[in-house]
Amino acid sequence: MGVSMTQLLIILVIVILVFGTKRLKNVGGDLGDAIKSFRSAMKDGGEDKKLAEKDDEPLEGEVTQKQTEKDQA
């Protein structure tokens, strides 16, 4: 019950007719930039965490201890 090659080609032709090649090219470029940006952010975040662990300093917004209502009173 898989998708055959002819069915994929028909879907591709319909998508090209609906969106046009220029818009598809722009969407592809935008998607590539988004993936590249996401990978870069993940890499930078991992380096920040390694540096914080090295210095034993908590990251901004990082929860270091969970406080209970008894501790606050």
N, C-alpha and C. Protein backbone atom coordinates (compact mmCIF):
# COMPACT_ATOMS: atom_id res chain seq x y z
N MET A 1 0.84 -1.19 0.00
CA MET A 1 0.00 0.00 0.00
C MET A 1 0.88 1.25 0.00
N GLY A 2 2.10 1.11 -0.49
CA GLY A 2 3.02 2.23 -0.54
C GLY A 2 2.71 3.18 -1.68
N VAL A 3 3.47 4.25 -1.72
CA VAL A 3 3.30 5.26 -2.76
C VAL A 3 4.27 4.93 -3.89
N SER A 4 3.74 4.83 -5.10
CA SER A 4 4.59 4.50 -6.25
C SER A 4 5.23 5.76 -6.82
N MET A 5 6.16 5.56 -7.72
CA MET A 5 6.88 6.67 -8.33
C MET A 5 5.94 7.55 -9.17
N THR A 6 5.00 6.95 -9.87
CA THR A 6 4.07 7.75 -10.68
C THR A 6 3.18 8.61 -9.80
N GLN A 7 2.78 8.09 -8.65
CA GLN A 7 1.95 8.88 -7.74
C GLN A 7 2.74 10.07 -7.19
N LEU A 8 4.02 9.86 -6.87
CA LEU A 8 4.86 10.96 -6.40
C LEU A 8 5.04 12.02 -7.47
N LEU A 9 5.21 11.60 -8.72
CA LEU A 9 5.35 12.57 -9.81
C LEU A 9 4.08 13.38 -10.02
N ILE A 10 2.93 12.73 -9.91
CA ILE A 10 1.65 13.44 -10.04
C ILE A 10 1.50 14.47 -8.92
N ILE A 11 1.85 14.09 -7.71
CA ILE A 11 1.77 15.02 -6.57
C ILE A 11 2.73 16.19 -6.80
N LEU A 12 3.94 15.92 -7.28
CA LEU A 12 4.92 16.97 -7.55
C LEU A 12 4.40 17.95 -8.60
N VAL A 13 3.80 17.45 -9.65
CA VAL A 13 3.25 18.32 -10.70
C VAL A 13 2.14 19.19 -10.14
N ILE A 14 1.27 18.62 -9.33
CA ILE A 14 0.18 19.40 -8.73
C ILE A 14 0.73 20.49 -7.82
N VAL A 15 1.73 20.15 -7.00
CA VAL A 15 2.33 21.14 -6.09
C VAL A 15 2.98 22.26 -6.89
N ILE A 16 3.67 21.92 -7.97
CA ILE A 16 4.30 22.95 -8.81
C ILE A 16 3.25 23.85 -9.45
N LEU A 17 2.15 23.27 -9.90
CA LEU A 17 1.09 24.07 -10.50
C LEU A 17 0.44 25.00 -9.47
N VAL A 18 0.27 24.53 -8.25
CA VAL A 18 -0.39 25.34 -7.22
C VAL A 18 0.53 26.44 -6.72
N PHE A 19 1.76 26.10 -6.38
CA PHE A 19 2.65 27.06 -5.74
C PHE A 19 3.59 27.76 -6.71
N GLY A 20 3.97 27.11 -7.76
CA GLY A 20 4.93 27.70 -8.69
C GLY A 20 6.35 27.38 -8.25
N THR A 21 7.26 27.38 -9.20
CA THR A 21 8.63 26.99 -8.89
C THR A 21 9.37 28.03 -8.06
N LYS A 22 9.06 29.30 -8.28
CA LYS A 22 9.75 30.36 -7.54
C LYS A 22 9.42 30.29 -6.05
N ARG A 23 8.15 30.10 -5.73
CA ARG A 23 7.76 30.01 -4.32
C ARG A 23 8.34 28.76 -3.66
N LEU A 24 8.36 27.65 -4.39
CA LEU A 24 8.95 26.42 -3.84
C LEU A 24 10.44 26.61 -3.57
N LYS A 25 11.13 27.33 -4.45
CA LYS A 25 12.55 27.60 -4.25
C LYS A 25 12.75 28.46 -3.00
N ASN A 26 11.91 29.46 -2.81
CA ASN A 26 12.00 30.31 -1.63
C ASN A 26 11.72 29.52 -0.35
N VAL A 27 10.71 28.66 -0.40
CA VAL A 27 10.38 27.84 0.78
C VAL A 27 11.54 26.91 1.10
N GLY A 28 12.14 26.31 0.09
CA GLY A 28 13.28 25.43 0.29
C GLY A 28 14.46 26.17 0.90
N GLY A 29 14.74 27.36 0.41
CA GLY A 29 15.84 28.16 0.95
C GLY A 29 15.58 28.57 2.39
N ASP A 30 14.34 28.98 2.68
CA ASP A 30 13.99 29.37 4.04
C ASP A 30 14.10 28.19 5.00
N LEU A 31 13.66 27.03 4.54
CA LEU A 31 13.75 25.83 5.37
C LEU A 31 15.20 25.47 5.64
N GLY A 32 16.05 25.57 4.63
CA GLY A 32 17.48 25.29 4.81
C GLY A 32 18.12 26.26 5.79
N ASP A 33 17.79 27.55 5.69
CA ASP A 33 18.33 28.54 6.63
C ASP A 33 17.86 28.27 8.05
N ALA A 34 16.61 27.86 8.20
CA ALA A 34 16.08 27.57 9.53
C ALA A 34 16.79 26.38 10.16
N ILE A 35 17.04 25.35 9.37
CA ILE A 35 17.74 24.16 9.89
C ILE A 35 19.17 24.52 10.27
N LYS A 36 19.83 25.32 9.42
CA LYS A 36 21.20 25.73 9.71
C LYS A 36 21.26 26.56 10.99
N SER A 37 20.31 27.47 11.17
CA SER A 37 20.25 28.29 12.37
C SER A 37 19.98 27.45 13.61
N PHE A 38 19.10 26.48 13.49
CA PHE A 38 18.79 25.60 14.61
C PHE A 38 20.01 24.79 15.03
N ARG A 39 20.73 24.24 14.07
CA ARG A 39 21.94 23.47 14.39
C ARG A 39 22.99 24.35 15.05
N SER A 40 23.13 25.58 14.56
CA SER A 40 24.09 26.50 15.15
C SER A 40 23.72 26.84 16.59
N ALA A 41 22.43 27.06 16.84
CA ALA A 41 21.98 27.37 18.19
C ALA A 41 22.18 26.19 19.13
N MET A 42 21.93 24.98 18.64
CA MET A 42 22.15 23.79 19.46
C MET A 42 23.63 23.64 19.81
N LYS A 43 24.50 23.92 18.86
CA LYS A 43 25.94 23.81 19.10
C LYS A 43 26.38 24.86 20.11
N ASP A 44 25.91 26.11 19.96
CA ASP A 44 26.27 27.18 20.88
C ASP A 44 25.72 26.91 22.28
N GLY A 45 24.53 26.38 22.37
CA GLY A 45 23.94 26.06 23.67
C GLY A 45 24.71 24.97 24.39
N GLY A 46 25.19 23.99 23.66
CA GLY A 46 25.99 22.92 24.26
C GLY A 46 27.32 23.45 24.79
N GLU A 47 27.92 24.37 24.05
CA GLU A 47 29.19 24.96 24.50
C GLU A 47 28.98 25.81 25.74
N ASP A 48 27.87 26.57 25.82
CA ASP A 48 27.58 27.38 26.99
C ASP A 48 27.39 26.51 28.22
N LYS A 49 26.71 25.39 28.05
CA LYS A 49 26.47 24.50 29.18
C LYS A 49 27.78 23.88 29.65
N LYS A 50 28.65 23.50 28.71
CA LYS A 50 29.94 22.93 29.09
C LYS A 50 30.76 23.95 29.87
N LEU A 51 30.74 25.21 29.43
CA LEU A 51 31.48 26.25 30.15
C LEU A 51 30.91 26.48 31.54
N ALA A 52 29.60 26.45 31.67
CA ALA A 52 28.97 26.65 32.97
C ALA A 52 29.29 25.50 33.91
N GLU A 53 29.30 24.28 33.41
CA GLU A 53 29.64 23.13 34.24
C GLU A 53 31.09 23.22 34.68
N LYS A 54 31.93 23.72 33.81
CA LYS A 54 33.35 23.86 34.13
C LYS A 54 33.54 24.88 35.25
N ASP A 55 32.80 25.98 35.21
CA ASP A 55 32.92 27.04 36.21
C ASP A 55 32.01 26.81 37.40
N ASP A 56 31.17 25.78 37.37
CA ASP A 56 30.17 25.50 38.41
C ASP A 56 29.25 26.69 38.67
N GLU A 57 28.94 27.43 37.63
CA GLU A 57 28.00 28.54 37.72
C GLU A 57 26.71 28.11 37.03
N PRO A 58 25.55 28.42 37.63
CA PRO A 58 24.29 28.07 36.95
C PRO A 58 24.07 29.00 35.76
N LEU A 59 23.46 28.44 34.72
CA LEU A 59 23.08 29.24 33.57
C LEU A 59 21.92 30.14 33.94
N GLU A 60 21.76 31.22 33.20
CA GLU A 60 20.66 32.13 33.45
C GLU A 60 19.34 31.38 33.25
N GLY A 61 18.49 31.40 34.27
CA GLY A 61 17.19 30.75 34.19
C GLY A 61 17.24 29.28 34.56
N GLU A 62 18.42 28.75 34.90
CA GLU A 62 18.54 27.34 35.24
C GLU A 62 18.09 27.13 36.69
N VAL A 63 17.30 26.12 36.92
CA VAL A 63 16.84 25.80 38.25
C VAL A 63 17.90 24.95 38.93
N THR A 64 18.41 25.45 40.07
CA THR A 64 19.45 24.71 40.76
C THR A 64 18.90 23.92 41.94
N GLN A 65 17.87 24.43 42.59
CA GLN A 65 17.27 23.75 43.71
C GLN A 65 15.78 23.96 43.65
N LYS A 66 15.03 22.95 44.06
CA LYS A 66 13.58 23.07 44.10
C LYS A 66 13.17 23.44 45.51
N GLN A 67 12.48 24.57 45.62
CA GLN A 67 12.04 25.03 46.93
C GLN A 67 10.61 24.57 47.18
N THR A 68 10.35 24.17 48.40
CA THR A 68 9.00 23.78 48.78
C THR A 68 8.36 24.90 49.58
N GLU A 69 7.09 24.77 49.84
CA GLU A 69 6.39 25.80 50.60
C GLU A 69 6.93 25.88 52.03
N LYS A 70 7.37 24.76 52.59
CA LYS A 70 7.92 24.76 53.96
C LYS A 70 9.22 25.52 54.01
N ASP A 71 10.05 25.42 52.97
CA ASP A 71 11.32 26.13 52.94
C ASP A 71 11.12 27.63 52.83
N GLN A 72 10.08 28.05 52.17
CA GLN A 72 9.83 29.47 51.99
C GLN A 72 9.24 30.11 53.24
N ALA A 73 8.58 29.34 54.09
CA ALA A 73 7.94 29.90 55.30
C ALA A 73 8.87 30.12 56.41
